[in-house]
Amino acid sequence: MDNQRPSQGPQNRSDLQRDYRERERLAFRNLLGALNEVERTNPRSRREILRRAAECLRRLGQEQIDLQRQLGVFPNNVVGTGSQPEAIILSDEDFEWLQDYLAQWEQQGGTGGPP
């Protein structure tokens, strides 16, 4: 069996590279558009777009954590919530499963840990 990739001609490689650059251009254009919806900015380079987007994501993440704290919701993945209890939000299916699981445990005497 031959494990080598078939050689791609220069035309095919240049087409692939051109497609890649076009997709990358579109991705940066979309990122800049989304960034401008959140904050008015005029980054001049792709590096600046990425830096500003990263800053914006961090800021929005912190704002979300602050709002959740104000509402008394403490997500499990928040680091540094201190001594605050963490909220656990279960779907209806998970809640039903947990109820059944604990009912089985109680039927077995409820000692020695869950079944």
PDB file of N, CA and C in Angstrom:
ATOM      1  N   MET A   1       0.822  -1.176   0.000  1.00  0.00           N
ATOM      2  CA  MET A   1       0.000   0.000   0.000  1.00  0.00           C
ATOM      3  C   MET A   1       0.873   1.250   0.000  1.00  0.00           C
ATOM      4  N   ASP A   2       0.544   2.219  -0.771  1.00  0.00           N
ATOM      5  CA  ASP A   2       1.323   3.447  -0.881  1.00  0.00           C
ATOM      6  C   ASP A   2       0.747   4.478   0.092  1.00  0.00           C
ATOM      7  N   ASN A   3       1.536   4.936   1.075  1.00  0.00           N
ATOM      8  CA  ASN A   3       1.082   5.874   2.086  1.00  0.00           C
ATOM      9  C   ASN A   3       1.353   7.318   1.710  1.00  0.00           C
ATOM     10  N   GLN A   4       1.919   7.572   0.572  1.00  0.00           N
ATOM     11  CA  GLN A   4       2.251   8.938   0.179  1.00  0.00           C
ATOM     12  C   GLN A   4       1.028   9.597  -0.454  1.00  0.00           C
ATOM     13  N   ARG A   5       0.903  10.904  -0.164  1.00  0.00           N
ATOM     14  CA  ARG A   5      -0.181  11.660  -0.784  1.00  0.00           C
ATOM     15  C   ARG A   5       0.146  11.891  -2.239  1.00  0.00           C
ATOM     16  N   PRO A   6      -0.881  11.859  -3.067  1.00  0.00           N
ATOM     17  CA  PRO A   6      -0.606  12.173  -4.470  1.00  0.00           C
ATOM     18  C   PRO A   6      -0.136  13.622  -4.590  1.00  0.00           C
ATOM     19  N   SER A   7       0.779  13.838  -5.473  1.00  0.00           N
ATOM     20  CA  SER A   7       1.323  15.167  -5.677  1.00  0.00           C
ATOM     21  C   SER A   7       0.250  16.084  -6.256  1.00  0.00           C
ATOM     22  N   GLN A   8       0.115  17.248  -5.633  1.00  0.00           N
ATOM     23  CA  GLN A   8      -0.846  18.219  -6.142  1.00  0.00           C
ATOM     24  C   GLN A   8      -0.097  19.189  -7.048  1.00  0.00           C
ATOM     25  N   GLY A   9      -0.676  19.456  -8.153  1.00  0.00           N
ATOM     26  CA  GLY A   9      -0.046  20.373  -9.082  1.00  0.00           C
ATOM     27  C   GLY A   9      -0.040  21.792  -8.554  1.00  0.00           C
ATOM     28  N   PRO A  10       0.807  22.636  -9.124  1.00  0.00           N
ATOM     29  CA  PRO A  10       0.901  24.021  -8.658  1.00  0.00           C
ATOM     30  C   PRO A  10      -0.427  24.771  -8.803  1.00  0.00           C
ATOM     31  N   GLN A  11      -1.185  24.454  -9.820  1.00  0.00           N
ATOM     32  CA  GLN A  11      -2.460  25.136 -10.026  1.00  0.00           C
ATOM     33  C   GLN A  11      -3.428  24.780  -8.902  1.00  0.00           C
ATOM     34  N   ASN A  12      -3.473  23.497  -8.533  1.00  0.00           N
ATOM     35  CA  ASN A  12      -4.368  23.065  -7.481  1.00  0.00           C
ATOM     36  C   ASN A  12      -3.976  23.692  -6.141  1.00  0.00           C
ATOM     37  N   ARG A  13      -2.684  23.735  -5.833  1.00  0.00           N
ATOM     38  CA  ARG A  13      -2.219  24.357  -4.591  1.00  0.00           C
ATOM     39  C   ARG A  13      -2.544  25.843  -4.555  1.00  0.00           C
ATOM     40  N   SER A  14      -2.353  26.501  -5.643  1.00  0.00           N
ATOM     41  CA  SER A  14      -2.644  27.944  -5.656  1.00  0.00           C
ATOM     42  C   SER A  14      -4.145  28.185  -5.511  1.00  0.00           C
ATOM     43  N   ASP A  15      -4.964  27.312  -6.091  1.00  0.00           N
ATOM     44  CA  ASP A  15      -6.415  27.446  -5.914  1.00  0.00           C
ATOM     45  C   ASP A  15      -6.799  27.239  -4.451  1.00  0.00           C
ATOM     46  N   LEU A  16      -6.212  26.219  -3.815  1.00  0.00           N
ATOM     47  CA  LEU A  16      -6.484  25.961  -2.404  1.00  0.00           C
ATOM     48  C   LEU A  16      -6.041  27.135  -1.540  1.00  0.00           C
ATOM     49  N   GLN A  17      -4.881  27.684  -1.836  1.00  0.00           N
ATOM     50  CA  GLN A  17      -4.368  28.825  -1.079  1.00  0.00           C
ATOM     51  C   GLN A  17      -5.266  30.046  -1.272  1.00  0.00           C
ATOM     52  N   ARG A  18      -5.712  30.267  -2.482  1.00  0.00           N
ATOM     53  CA  ARG A  18      -6.597  31.395  -2.773  1.00  0.00           C
ATOM     54  C   ARG A  18      -7.919  31.234  -2.008  1.00  0.00           C
ATOM     55  N   ASP A  19      -8.472  30.008  -1.992  1.00  0.00           N
ATOM     56  CA  ASP A  19      -9.709  29.743  -1.249  1.00  0.00           C
ATOM     57  C   ASP A  19      -9.501  29.986   0.244  1.00  0.00           C
ATOM     58  N   TYR A  20      -8.365  29.511   0.758  1.00  0.00           N
ATOM     59  CA  TYR A  20      -8.057  29.699   2.178  1.00  0.00           C
ATOM     60  C   TYR A  20      -7.982  31.186   2.520  1.00  0.00           C
ATOM     61  N   ARG A  21      -7.268  31.953   1.706  1.00  0.00           N
ATOM     62  CA  ARG A  21      -7.130  33.394   1.966  1.00  0.00           C
ATOM     63  C   ARG A  21      -8.487  34.089   1.909  1.00  0.00           C
ATOM     64  N   GLU A  22      -9.350  33.665   1.007  1.00  0.00           N
ATOM     65  CA  GLU A  22     -10.683  34.274   0.899  1.00  0.00           C
ATOM     66  C   GLU A  22     -11.520  33.949   2.140  1.00  0.00           C
ATOM     67  N   ARG A  23     -11.458  32.707   2.595  1.00  0.00           N
ATOM     68  CA  ARG A  23     -12.197  32.333   3.809  1.00  0.00           C
ATOM     69  C   ARG A  23     -11.657  33.095   5.017  1.00  0.00           C
ATOM     70  N   GLU A  24     -10.341  33.245   5.084  1.00  0.00           N
ATOM     71  CA  GLU A  24      -9.728  33.981   6.182  1.00  0.00           C
ATOM     72  C   GLU A  24     -10.149  35.458   6.138  1.00  0.00           C
ATOM     73  N   ARG A  25     -10.158  36.035   4.956  1.00  0.00           N
ATOM     74  CA  ARG A  25     -10.583  37.427   4.797  1.00  0.00           C
ATOM     75  C   ARG A  25     -12.029  37.604   5.276  1.00  0.00           C
ATOM     76  N   LEU A  26     -12.891  36.666   4.883  1.00  0.00           N
ATOM     77  CA  LEU A  26     -14.293  36.726   5.288  1.00  0.00           C
ATOM     78  C   LEU A  26     -14.431  36.570   6.801  1.00  0.00           C
ATOM     79  N   ALA A  27     -13.666  35.662   7.394  1.00  0.00           N
ATOM     80  CA  ALA A  27     -13.723  35.446   8.842  1.00  0.00           C
ATOM     81  C   ALA A  27     -13.318  36.720   9.594  1.00  0.00           C
ATOM     82  N   PHE A  28     -12.249  37.379   9.145  1.00  0.00           N
ATOM     83  CA  PHE A  28     -11.825  38.618   9.803  1.00  0.00           C
ATOM     84  C   PHE A  28     -12.842  39.733   9.598  1.00  0.00           C
ATOM     85  N   ARG A  29     -13.447  39.786   8.434  1.00  0.00           N
ATOM     86  CA  ARG A  29     -14.479  40.793   8.178  1.00  0.00           C
ATOM     87  C   ARG A  29     -15.667  40.574   9.114  1.00  0.00           C
ATOM     88  N   ASN A  30     -16.072  39.309   9.293  1.00  0.00           N
ATOM     89  CA  ASN A  30     -17.180  39.000  10.198  1.00  0.00           C
ATOM     90  C   ASN A  30     -16.817  39.306  11.648  1.00  0.00           C
ATOM     91  N   LEU A  31     -15.590  38.981  12.044  1.00  0.00           N
ATOM     92  CA  LEU A  31     -15.136  39.276  13.401  1.00  0.00           C
ATOM     93  C   LEU A  31     -15.116  40.779  13.652  1.00  0.00           C
ATOM     94  N   LEU A  32     -14.625  41.543  12.690  1.00  0.00           N
ATOM     95  CA  LEU A  32     -14.601  42.995  12.833  1.00  0.00           C
ATOM     96  C   LEU A  32     -16.018  43.554  12.926  1.00  0.00           C
ATOM     97  N   GLY A  33     -16.938  43.013  12.125  1.00  0.00           N
ATOM     98  CA  GLY A  33     -18.333  43.453  12.195  1.00  0.00           C
ATOM     99  C   GLY A  33     -18.943  43.177  13.552  1.00  0.00           C
ATOM    100  N   ALA A  34     -18.707  41.977  14.090  1.00  0.00           N
ATOM    101  CA  ALA A  34     -19.230  41.634  15.411  1.00  0.00           C
ATOM    102  C   ALA A  34     -18.608  42.510  16.485  1.00  0.00           C
ATOM    103  N   LEU A  35     -17.316  42.768  16.363  1.00  0.00           N
ATOM    104  CA  LEU A  35     -16.623  43.614  17.326  1.00  0.00           C
ATOM    105  C   LEU A  35     -17.196  45.034  17.301  1.00  0.00           C
ATOM    106  N   ASN A  36     -17.484  45.540  16.121  1.00  0.00           N
ATOM    107  CA  ASN A  36     -18.056  46.887  16.005  1.00  0.00           C
ATOM    108  C   ASN A  36     -19.470  46.963  16.556  1.00  0.00           C
ATOM    109  N   GLU A  37     -20.198  45.843  16.606  1.00  0.00           N
ATOM    110  CA  GLU A  37     -21.529  45.840  17.211  1.00  0.00           C
ATOM    111  C   GLU A  37     -21.439  46.022  18.721  1.00  0.00           C
ATOM    112  N   VAL A  38     -20.351  45.539  19.321  1.00  0.00           N
ATOM    113  CA  VAL A  38     -20.192  45.581  20.768  1.00  0.00           C
ATOM    114  C   VAL A  38     -19.481  46.853  21.216  1.00  0.00           C
ATOM    115  N   GLU A  39     -18.495  47.275  20.474  1.00  0.00           N
ATOM    116  CA  GLU A  39     -17.749  48.485  20.828  1.00  0.00           C
ATOM    117  C   GLU A  39     -17.313  49.180  19.541  1.00  0.00           C
ATOM    118  N   ARG A  40     -17.300  50.465  19.596  1.00  0.00           N
ATOM    119  CA  ARG A  40     -16.853  51.230  18.426  1.00  0.00           C
ATOM    120  C   ARG A  40     -15.333  51.243  18.421  1.00  0.00           C
ATOM    121  N   THR A  41     -14.775  50.627  17.434  1.00  0.00           N
ATOM    122  CA  THR A  41     -13.324  50.514  17.358  1.00  0.00           C
ATOM    123  C   THR A  41     -12.922  50.537  15.896  1.00  0.00           C
ATOM    124  N   ASN A  42     -11.688  50.864  15.661  1.00  0.00           N
ATOM    125  CA  ASN A  42     -11.199  50.872  14.293  1.00  0.00           C
ATOM    126  C   ASN A  42      -9.803  50.259  14.246  1.00  0.00           C
ATOM    127  N   PRO A  43      -9.724  48.931  14.505  1.00  0.00           N
ATOM    128  CA  PRO A  43      -8.399  48.303  14.444  1.00  0.00           C
ATOM    129  C   PRO A  43      -7.858  48.343  13.029  1.00  0.00           C
ATOM    130  N   ARG A  44      -6.556  48.516  12.914  1.00  0.00           N
ATOM    131  CA  ARG A  44      -5.931  48.694  11.600  1.00  0.00           C
ATOM    132  C   ARG A  44      -5.258  47.439  11.065  1.00  0.00           C
ATOM    133  N   SER A  45      -5.127  46.416  11.887  1.00  0.00           N
ATOM    134  CA  SER A  45      -4.463  45.198  11.427  1.00  0.00           C
ATOM    135  C   SER A  45      -5.220  43.983  11.948  1.00  0.00           C
ATOM    136  N   ARG A  46      -4.920  42.836  11.370  1.00  0.00           N
ATOM    137  CA  ARG A  46      -5.546  41.605  11.837  1.00  0.00           C
ATOM    138  C   ARG A  46      -5.140  41.308  13.269  1.00  0.00           C
ATOM    139  N   ARG A  47      -3.896  41.602  13.584  1.00  0.00           N
ATOM    140  CA  ARG A  47      -3.416  41.397  14.954  1.00  0.00           C
ATOM    141  C   ARG A  47      -4.221  42.249  15.924  1.00  0.00           C
ATOM    142  N   GLU A  48      -4.485  43.482  15.563  1.00  0.00           N
ATOM    143  CA  GLU A  48      -5.256  44.394  16.409  1.00  0.00           C
ATOM    144  C   GLU A  48      -6.706  43.913  16.527  1.00  0.00           C
ATOM    145  N   ILE A  49      -7.274  43.401  15.447  1.00  0.00           N
ATOM    146  CA  ILE A  49      -8.638  42.855  15.497  1.00  0.00           C
ATOM    147  C   ILE A  49      -8.687  41.709  16.508  1.00  0.00           C
ATOM    148  N   LEU A  50      -7.727  40.786  16.443  1.00  0.00           N
ATOM    149  CA  LEU A  50      -7.706  39.654  17.366  1.00  0.00           C
ATOM    150  C   LEU A  50      -7.492  40.103  18.801  1.00  0.00           C
ATOM    151  N   ARG A  51      -6.604  41.078  19.008  1.00  0.00           N
ATOM    152  CA  ARG A  51      -6.345  41.575  20.361  1.00  0.00           C
ATOM    153  C   ARG A  51      -7.593  42.221  20.951  1.00  0.00           C
ATOM    154  N   ARG A  52      -8.251  43.076  20.161  1.00  0.00           N
ATOM    155  CA  ARG A  52      -9.458  43.761  20.637  1.00  0.00           C
ATOM    156  C   ARG A  52     -10.591  42.768  20.882  1.00  0.00           C
ATOM    157  N   ALA A  53     -10.726  41.772  20.014  1.00  0.00           N
ATOM    158  CA  ALA A  53     -11.766  40.756  20.188  1.00  0.00           C
ATOM    159  C   ALA A  53     -11.531  39.956  21.469  1.00  0.00           C
ATOM    160  N   ALA A  54     -10.273  39.599  21.739  1.00  0.00           N
ATOM    161  CA  ALA A  54      -9.949  38.860  22.962  1.00  0.00           C
ATOM    162  C   ALA A  54     -10.263  39.701  24.201  1.00  0.00           C
ATOM    163  N   GLU A  55      -9.904  40.977  24.175  1.00  0.00           N
ATOM    164  CA  GLU A  55     -10.216  41.875  25.292  1.00  0.00           C
ATOM    165  C   GLU A  55     -11.720  41.974  25.496  1.00  0.00           C
ATOM    166  N   CYS A  56     -12.443  42.091  24.404  1.00  0.00           N
ATOM    167  CA  CYS A  56     -13.895  42.214  24.461  1.00  0.00           C
ATOM    168  C   CYS A  56     -14.519  40.950  25.056  1.00  0.00           C
ATOM    169  N   LEU A  57     -14.053  39.783  24.640  1.00  0.00           N
ATOM    170  CA  LEU A  57     -14.571  38.525  25.175  1.00  0.00           C
ATOM    171  C   LEU A  57     -14.311  38.413  26.674  1.00  0.00           C
ATOM    172  N   ARG A  58     -13.109  38.793  27.092  1.00  0.00           N
ATOM    173  CA  ARG A  58     -12.795  38.753  28.524  1.00  0.00           C
ATOM    174  C   ARG A  58     -13.709  39.691  29.306  1.00  0.00           C
ATOM    175  N   ARG A  59     -13.893  40.902  28.793  1.00  0.00           N
ATOM    176  CA  ARG A  59     -14.738  41.890  29.469  1.00  0.00           C
ATOM    177  C   ARG A  59     -16.182  41.406  29.538  1.00  0.00           C
ATOM    178  N   LEU A  60     -16.706  40.892  28.435  1.00  0.00           N
ATOM    179  CA  LEU A  60     -18.086  40.407  28.424  1.00  0.00           C
ATOM    180  C   LEU A  60     -18.252  39.203  29.353  1.00  0.00           C
ATOM    181  N   GLY A  61     -17.236  38.345  29.406  1.00  0.00           N
ATOM    182  CA  GLY A  61     -17.293  37.206  30.323  1.00  0.00           C
ATOM    183  C   GLY A  61     -17.351  37.664  31.768  1.00  0.00           C
ATOM    184  N   GLN A  62     -16.547  38.668  32.122  1.00  0.00           N
ATOM    185  CA  GLN A  62     -16.563  39.191  33.484  1.00  0.00           C
ATOM    186  C   GLN A  62     -17.891  39.870  33.793  1.00  0.00           C
ATOM    187  N   GLU A  63     -18.444  40.596  32.814  1.00  0.00           N
ATOM    188  CA  GLU A  63     -19.751  41.224  33.011  1.00  0.00           C
ATOM    189  C   GLU A  63     -20.825  40.166  33.258  1.00  0.00           C
ATOM    190  N   GLN A  64     -20.750  39.048  32.543  1.00  0.00           N
ATOM    191  CA  GLN A  64     -21.713  37.967  32.734  1.00  0.00           C
ATOM    192  C   GLN A  64     -21.594  37.396  34.143  1.00  0.00           C
ATOM    193  N   ILE A  65     -20.361  37.175  34.591  1.00  0.00           N
ATOM    194  CA  ILE A  65     -20.149  36.654  35.949  1.00  0.00           C
ATOM    195  C   ILE A  65     -20.711  37.629  36.975  1.00  0.00           C
ATOM    196  N   ASP A  66     -20.453  38.929  36.799  1.00  0.00           N
ATOM    197  CA  ASP A  66     -20.952  39.932  37.730  1.00  0.00           C
ATOM    198  C   ASP A  66     -22.478  39.943  37.768  1.00  0.00           C
ATOM    199  N   LEU A  67     -23.109  39.850  36.607  1.00  0.00           N
ATOM    200  CA  LEU A  67     -24.572  39.827  36.559  1.00  0.00           C
ATOM    201  C   LEU A  67     -25.129  38.558  37.208  1.00  0.00           C
ATOM    202  N   GLN A  68     -24.474  37.425  36.982  1.00  0.00           N
ATOM    203  CA  GLN A  68     -24.933  36.184  37.596  1.00  0.00           C
ATOM    204  C   GLN A  68     -24.807  36.257  39.111  1.00  0.00           C
ATOM    205  N   ARG A  69     -23.744  36.875  39.595  1.00  0.00           N
ATOM    206  CA  ARG A  69     -23.587  37.041  41.045  1.00  0.00           C
ATOM    207  C   ARG A  69     -24.698  37.920  41.600  1.00  0.00           C
ATOM    208  N   GLN A  70     -25.049  38.983  40.891  1.00  0.00           N
ATOM    209  CA  GLN A  70     -26.121  39.868  41.335  1.00  0.00           C
ATOM    210  C   GLN A  70     -27.447  39.125  41.417  1.00  0.00           C
ATOM    211  N   LEU A  71     -27.653  38.171  40.497  1.00  0.00           N
ATOM    212  CA  LEU A  71     -28.887  37.403  40.486  1.00  0.00           C
ATOM    213  C   LEU A  71     -28.843  36.208  41.429  1.00  0.00           C
ATOM    214  N   GLY A  72     -27.679  35.943  42.005  1.00  0.00           N
ATOM    215  CA  GLY A  72     -27.544  34.811  42.906  1.00  0.00           C
ATOM    216  C   GLY A  72     -27.313  33.501  42.188  1.00  0.00           C
ATOM    217  N   VAL A  73     -26.914  33.560  40.937  1.00  0.00           N
ATOM    218  CA  VAL A  73     -26.608  32.358  40.162  1.00  0.00           C
ATOM    219  C   VAL A  73     -25.099  32.236  40.107  1.00  0.00           C
ATOM    220  N   PHE A  74     -24.594  31.083  40.516  1.00  0.00           N
ATOM    221  CA  PHE A  74     -23.156  30.876  40.554  1.00  0.00           C
ATOM    222  C   PHE A  74     -22.822  29.661  39.705  1.00  0.00           C
ATOM    223  N   PRO A  75     -22.424  29.882  38.458  1.00  0.00           N
ATOM    224  CA  PRO A  75     -22.120  28.751  37.586  1.00  0.00           C
ATOM    225  C   PRO A  75     -20.927  27.958  38.091  1.00  0.00           C
ATOM    226  N   ASN A  76     -20.923  26.654  37.781  1.00  0.00           N
ATOM    227  CA  ASN A  76     -19.865  25.759  38.249  1.00  0.00           C
ATOM    228  C   ASN A  76     -18.503  26.109  37.695  1.00  0.00           C
ATOM    229  N   ASN A  77     -18.442  26.707  36.517  1.00  0.00           N
ATOM    230  CA  ASN A  77     -17.152  26.921  35.875  1.00  0.00           C
ATOM    231  C   ASN A  77     -16.545  28.278  36.190  1.00  0.00           C
ATOM    232  N   VAL A  78     -17.089  29.004  37.151  1.00  0.00           N
ATOM    233  CA  VAL A  78     -16.544  30.308  37.515  1.00  0.00           C
ATOM    234  C   VAL A  78     -15.475  30.101  38.573  1.00  0.00           C
ATOM    235  N   VAL A  79     -14.284  30.590  38.283  1.00  0.00           N
ATOM    236  CA  VAL A  79     -13.177  30.471  39.217  1.00  0.00           C
ATOM    237  C   VAL A  79     -13.186  31.682  40.129  1.00  0.00           C
ATOM    238  N   GLY A  80     -12.916  31.465  41.385  1.00  0.00           N
ATOM    239  CA  GLY A  80     -12.766  32.579  42.308  1.00  0.00           C
ATOM    240  C   GLY A  80     -14.067  33.120  42.841  1.00  0.00           C
ATOM    241  N   THR A  81     -15.094  32.295  42.994  1.00  0.00           N
ATOM    242  CA  THR A  81     -16.346  32.774  43.564  1.00  0.00           C
ATOM    243  C   THR A  81     -16.272  32.843  45.076  1.00  0.00           C
ATOM    244  N   GLY A  82     -15.111  32.484  45.634  1.00  0.00           N
ATOM    245  CA  GLY A  82     -14.928  32.581  47.074  1.00  0.00           C
ATOM    246  C   GLY A  82     -15.740  31.537  47.807  1.00  0.00           C
ATOM    247  N   SER A  83     -16.378  31.952  48.894  1.00  0.00           N
ATOM    248  CA  SER A  83     -17.122  31.006  49.715  1.00  0.00           C
ATOM    249  C   SER A  83     -18.569  30.863  49.275  1.00  0.00           C
ATOM    250  N   GLN A  84     -18.931  31.495  48.200  1.00  0.00           N
ATOM    251  CA  GLN A  84     -20.302  31.403  47.716  1.00  0.00           C
ATOM    252  C   GLN A  84     -20.603  29.990  47.240  1.00  0.00           C
ATOM    253  N   PRO A  85     -21.802  29.472  47.534  1.00  0.00           N
ATOM    254  CA  PRO A  85     -22.159  28.148  47.026  1.00  0.00           C
ATOM    255  C   PRO A  85     -22.336  28.190  45.517  1.00  0.00           C
ATOM    256  N   GLU A  86     -22.070  27.052  44.885  1.00  0.00           N
ATOM    257  CA  GLU A  86     -22.235  26.977  43.441  1.00  0.00           C
ATOM    258  C   GLU A  86     -23.620  26.440  43.124  1.00  0.00           C
ATOM    259  N   ALA A  87     -24.298  27.069  42.203  1.00  0.00           N
ATOM    260  CA  ALA A  87     -25.618  26.610  41.794  1.00  0.00           C
ATOM    261  C   ALA A  87     -25.463  25.463  40.813  1.00  0.00           C
ATOM    262  N   ILE A  88     -26.325  24.486  40.949  1.00  0.00           N
ATOM    263  CA  ILE A  88     -26.358  23.384  40.005  1.00  0.00           C
ATOM    264  C   ILE A  88     -27.721  23.407  39.346  1.00  0.00           C
ATOM    265  N   ILE A  89     -27.719  23.571  38.061  1.00  0.00           N
ATOM    266  CA  ILE A  89     -28.972  23.635  37.315  1.00  0.00           C
ATOM    267  C   ILE A  89     -29.081  22.360  36.505  1.00  0.00           C
ATOM    268  N   LEU A  90     -30.151  21.592  36.761  1.00  0.00           N
ATOM    269  CA  LEU A  90     -30.365  20.320  36.080  1.00  0.00           C
ATOM    270  C   LEU A  90     -31.512  20.443  35.088  1.00  0.00           C
ATOM    271  N   SER A  91     -31.391  19.721  34.010  1.00  0.00           N
ATOM    272  CA  SER A  91     -32.511  19.621  33.082  1.00  0.00           C
ATOM    273  C   SER A  91     -33.587  18.758  33.738  1.00  0.00           C
ATOM    274  N   ASP A  92     -34.800  18.791  33.201  1.00  0.00           N
ATOM    275  CA  ASP A  92     -35.879  17.971  33.746  1.00  0.00           C
ATOM    276  C   ASP A  92     -35.513  16.489  33.719  1.00  0.00           C
ATOM    277  N   GLU A  93     -34.881  16.050  32.619  1.00  0.00           N
ATOM    278  CA  GLU A  93     -34.507  14.644  32.496  1.00  0.00           C
ATOM    279  C   GLU A  93     -33.472  14.262  33.549  1.00  0.00           C
ATOM    280  N   ASP A  94     -32.472  15.132  33.743  1.00  0.00           N
ATOM    281  CA  ASP A  94     -31.444  14.855  34.744  1.00  0.00           C
ATOM    282  C   ASP A  94     -32.034  14.857  36.152  1.00  0.00           C
ATOM    283  N   PHE A  95     -32.982  15.764  36.398  1.00  0.00           N
ATOM    284  CA  PHE A  95     -33.609  15.833  37.712  1.00  0.00           C
ATOM    285  C   PHE A  95     -34.406  14.553  37.991  1.00  0.00           C
ATOM    286  N   GLU A  96     -35.162  14.080  36.987  1.00  0.00           N
ATOM    287  CA  GLU A  96     -35.912  12.833  37.147  1.00  0.00           C
ATOM    288  C   GLU A  96     -34.967  11.660  37.386  1.00  0.00           C
ATOM    289  N   TRP A  97     -33.852  11.608  36.645  1.00  0.00           N
ATOM    290  CA  TRP A  97     -32.882  10.540  36.824  1.00  0.00           C
ATOM    291  C   TRP A  97     -32.324  10.565  38.237  1.00  0.00           C
ATOM    292  N   LEU A  98     -32.002  11.749  38.736  1.00  0.00           N
ATOM    293  CA  LEU A  98     -31.455  11.883  40.077  1.00  0.00           C
ATOM    294  C   LEU A  98     -32.474  11.449  41.125  1.00  0.00           C
ATOM    295  N   GLN A  99     -33.730  11.811  40.939  1.00  0.00           N
ATOM    296  CA  GLN A  99     -34.768  11.386  41.870  1.00  0.00           C
ATOM    297  C   GLN A  99     -34.875   9.858  41.899  1.00  0.00           C
ATOM    298  N   ASP A 100     -34.887   9.233  40.735  1.00  0.00           N
ATOM    299  CA  ASP A 100     -34.962   7.772  40.664  1.00  0.00           C
ATOM    300  C   ASP A 100     -33.746   7.137  41.325  1.00  0.00           C
ATOM    301  N   TYR A 101     -32.585   7.699  41.066  1.00  0.00           N
ATOM    302  CA  TYR A 101     -31.343   7.176  41.621  1.00  0.00           C
ATOM    303  C   TYR A 101     -31.375   7.230  43.144  1.00  0.00           C
ATOM    304  N   LEU A 102     -31.799   8.367  43.693  1.00  0.00           N
ATOM    305  CA  LEU A 102     -31.858   8.507  45.148  1.00  0.00           C
ATOM    306  C   LEU A 102     -32.947   7.639  45.749  1.00  0.00           C
ATOM    307  N   ALA A 103     -34.059   7.448  45.047  1.00  0.00           N
ATOM    308  CA  ALA A 103     -35.119   6.560  45.529  1.00  0.00           C
ATOM    309  C   ALA A 103     -34.607   5.134  45.632  1.00  0.00           C
ATOM    310  N   GLN A 104     -33.831   4.684  44.651  1.00  0.00           N
ATOM    311  CA  GLN A 104     -33.247   3.339  44.696  1.00  0.00           C
ATOM    312  C   GLN A 104     -32.295   3.222  45.881  1.00  0.00           C
ATOM    313  N   TRP A 105     -31.526   4.253  46.095  1.00  0.00           N
ATOM    314  CA  TRP A 105     -30.571   4.263  47.203  1.00  0.00           C
ATOM    315  C   TRP A 105     -31.295   4.159  48.549  1.00  0.00           C
ATOM    316  N   GLU A 106     -32.408   4.927  48.692  1.00  0.00           N
ATOM    317  CA  GLU A 106     -33.161   4.887  49.927  1.00  0.00           C
ATOM    318  C   GLU A 106     -33.816   3.523  50.126  1.00  0.00           C
ATOM    319  N   GLN A 107     -34.269   2.890  49.048  1.00  0.00           N
ATOM    320  CA  GLN A 107     -34.875   1.558  49.148  1.00  0.00           C
ATOM    321  C   GLN A 107     -33.868   0.534  49.620  1.00  0.00           C
ATOM    322  N   GLN A 108     -32.606   0.744  49.315  1.00  0.00           N
ATOM    323  CA  GLN A 108     -31.562  -0.186  49.739  1.00  0.00           C
ATOM    324  C   GLN A 108     -31.045   0.138  51.141  1.00  0.00           C
ATOM    325  N   GLY A 109     -31.703   1.015  51.808  1.00  0.00           N
ATOM    326  CA  GLY A 109     -31.333   1.323  53.190  1.00  0.00           C
ATOM    327  C   GLY A 109     -30.697   2.681  53.354  1.00  0.00           C
ATOM    328  N   GLY A 110     -30.249   3.276  52.279  1.00  0.00           N
ATOM    329  CA  GLY A 110     -29.697   4.626  52.348  1.00  0.00           C
ATOM    330  C   GLY A 110     -28.415   4.743  53.128  1.00  0.00           C
ATOM    331  N   THR A 111     -27.688   3.649  53.274  1.00  0.00           N
ATOM    332  CA  THR A 111     -26.424   3.722  54.004  1.00  0.00           C
ATOM    333  C   THR A 111     -25.299   3.253  53.114  1.00  0.00           C
ATOM    334  N   GLY A 112     -24.113   3.666  53.430  1.00  0.00           N
ATOM    335  CA  GLY A 112     -22.949   3.204  52.671  1.00  0.00           C
ATOM    336  C   GLY A 112     -22.780   3.899  51.340  1.00  0.00           C
ATOM    337  N   GLY A 113     -23.476   4.959  51.109  1.00  0.00           N
ATOM    338  CA  GLY A 113     -23.344   5.681  49.839  1.00  0.00           C
ATOM    339  C   GLY A 113     -24.365   5.228  48.821  1.00  0.00           C
ATOM    340  N   PRO A 114     -24.536   5.976  47.785  1.00  0.00           N
ATOM    341  CA  PRO A 114     -25.513   5.639  46.749  1.00  0.00           C
ATOM    342  C   PRO A 114     -25.170   4.307  46.078  1.00  0.00           C
ATOM    343  N   PRO A 115     -26.169   3.674  45.456  1.00  0.00           N
ATOM    344  CA  PRO A 115     -25.948   2.387  44.800  1.00  0.00           C
ATOM    345  C   PRO A 115     -24.952   2.474  43.672  1.00  0.00           C
TER     346      PRO A 115
END
